[in-house]
Amino acid sequence: MEAPGEPARVAGSDSRVRIHPPQILGSTNVDGVDALLRRARPRLSRCQQPGVRRTARVQVLPQPNGEIARSQPAAWTDPRDPDPDTAQCVANVLRGLGPIAGGGAGIIRITVDL
């Protein structure tokens, strides 16, 4: 399986999904974040729009026990991004895949090209 920063083919899709290396602020377990992103990759195809490329920027806020307290479009999203619904979709996928193994509180910033 590819590393989280590597492009990957998405099952059922003819386009590529790229999950950029996440920025982790706080004590969240890095291996747990990597595992979360590996689980997320095949599910992100539901956030794609045929023939349209999007970049989604999300932030995930885990609790110390690894449960995901919030997952939402990032506050630092580029205002030129034309589709906030794509970022919300990615945030929903990530929230549904918690908890993060190994726990640790913090903020995880994730950028996904769809």
Protein backbone atom coordinates (compact mmCIF):
# COMPACT_ATOMS: atom_id res chain seq x y z
CA MET A 1 0.00 0.00 0.00
CA GLU A 2 1.20 3.49 -0.80
CA ALA A 3 2.37 5.91 1.88
CA PRO A 4 -0.20 8.61 2.78
CA GLY A 5 1.58 11.19 0.62
CA GLU A 6 1.66 8.99 -2.47
CA PRO A 7 -0.91 9.12 -5.26
CA ALA A 8 -3.18 6.07 -5.30
CA ARG A 9 -5.73 4.57 -7.66
CA VAL A 10 -9.20 4.60 -6.19
CA ALA A 11 -11.39 1.56 -6.72
CA GLY A 12 -14.28 2.36 -9.03
CA SER A 13 -12.74 5.60 -10.24
CA ASP A 14 -10.68 6.52 -13.27
CA SER A 15 -9.03 9.47 -11.55
CA ARG A 16 -6.36 9.60 -8.88
CA VAL A 17 -6.67 10.51 -5.23
CA ARG A 18 -3.64 12.04 -3.54
CA ILE A 19 -3.48 12.45 0.21
CA HIS A 20 -0.70 14.88 1.07
CA PRO A 21 1.43 14.21 4.16
CA PRO A 22 -0.63 15.46 7.10
CA GLN A 23 0.45 18.25 9.41
CA ILE A 24 0.03 17.04 12.99
CA LEU A 25 -0.09 19.60 15.80
CA GLY A 26 -0.11 18.12 19.29
CA SER A 27 0.45 14.63 20.64
CA THR A 28 -1.61 12.60 18.15
CA ASN A 29 -0.01 9.25 17.28
CA VAL A 30 1.60 9.52 13.83
CA ASP A 31 1.19 5.81 13.03
CA GLY A 32 -2.47 6.05 13.99
CA VAL A 33 -2.96 8.97 11.60
CA ASP A 34 -1.24 7.05 8.80
CA ALA A 35 -3.55 4.07 9.43
CA LEU A 36 -6.61 6.35 9.37
CA LEU A 37 -5.55 7.80 6.02
CA ARG A 38 -4.92 4.33 4.55
CA ARG A 39 -8.45 3.30 5.59
CA ALA A 40 -9.87 6.52 4.14
CA ARG A 41 -8.26 6.34 0.70
CA PRO A 42 -10.68 3.86 -0.96
CA ARG A 43 -13.70 5.58 0.60
CA LEU A 44 -12.79 9.02 -0.73
CA SER A 45 -14.04 8.10 -4.20
CA ARG A 46 -17.54 9.02 -2.99
CA CYS A 47 -16.31 12.64 -2.73
CA GLN A 48 -15.19 12.81 -6.35
CA GLN A 49 -17.17 14.45 -9.12
CA PRO A 50 -16.75 12.89 -12.57
CA GLY A 51 -14.42 14.93 -14.74
CA VAL A 52 -13.76 17.55 -12.04
CA ARG A 53 -10.55 17.87 -10.03
CA ARG A 54 -10.84 19.33 -6.53
CA THR A 55 -8.56 19.96 -3.58
CA ALA A 56 -10.11 19.44 -0.15
CA ARG A 57 -8.50 20.83 2.99
CA VAL A 58 -9.81 19.45 6.27
CA GLN A 59 -8.88 19.47 9.92
CA VAL A 60 -9.46 16.61 12.32
CA LEU A 61 -9.50 17.19 16.07
CA PRO A 62 -8.94 13.96 18.01
CA GLN A 63 -9.45 13.59 21.76
CA PRO A 64 -6.70 12.08 23.94
CA ASN A 65 -8.33 8.62 23.63
CA GLY A 66 -8.21 8.84 19.80
CA GLU A 67 -11.93 9.47 19.30
CA ILE A 68 -12.49 12.10 16.62
CA ALA A 69 -14.22 15.03 18.31
CA ARG A 70 -14.53 17.05 15.09
CA SER A 71 -13.70 16.68 11.45
CA GLN A 72 -14.50 19.70 9.30
CA PRO A 73 -13.43 21.77 6.32
CA ALA A 74 -10.28 23.59 7.35
CA ALA A 75 -10.36 27.19 8.48
CA TRP A 76 -7.27 27.70 6.30
CA THR A 77 -9.10 26.60 3.13
CA ASP A 78 -8.19 28.71 0.15
CA PRO A 79 -11.12 31.08 -0.54
CA ARG A 80 -10.64 30.35 -4.24
CA ASP A 81 -11.66 26.71 -3.67
CA PRO A 82 -14.94 26.58 -5.56
CA ASP A 83 -16.57 23.66 -3.75
CA PRO A 84 -16.79 23.52 0.06
CA ASP A 85 -19.03 20.44 -0.25
CA THR A 86 -16.02 18.35 -1.34
CA ALA A 87 -14.11 19.28 1.83
CA GLN A 88 -17.18 18.47 3.94
CA CYS A 89 -17.46 15.07 2.25
CA VAL A 90 -13.79 14.29 2.99
CA ALA A 91 -14.26 15.43 6.60
CA ASN A 92 -17.29 13.14 6.95
CA VAL A 93 -15.36 10.15 5.60
CA LEU A 94 -12.51 10.73 8.06
CA ARG A 95 -14.86 11.20 11.01
CA GLY A 96 -16.58 7.92 10.20
CA LEU A 97 -13.30 5.99 10.32
CA GLY A 98 -12.15 6.97 13.83
CA PRO A 99 -10.85 6.46 16.40
CA ILE A 100 -7.17 7.10 15.75
CA ALA A 101 -5.08 4.23 17.09
CA GLY A 102 -2.64 5.29 19.77
CA GLY A 103 -4.71 8.35 20.68
CA GLY A 104 -3.31 11.76 21.50
CA ALA A 105 -5.00 15.14 21.32
CA GLY A 106 -4.26 17.81 18.75
CA ILE A 107 -5.16 19.11 15.33
CA ILE A 108 -4.47 17.23 12.11
CA ARG A 109 -4.47 19.22 8.88
CA ILE A 110 -5.03 17.12 5.79
CA THR A 111 -5.07 18.08 2.12
CA VAL A 112 -6.57 15.69 -0.43
CA ASP A 113 -6.54 16.07 -4.21
CA LEU A 114 -9.56 14.40 -5.78
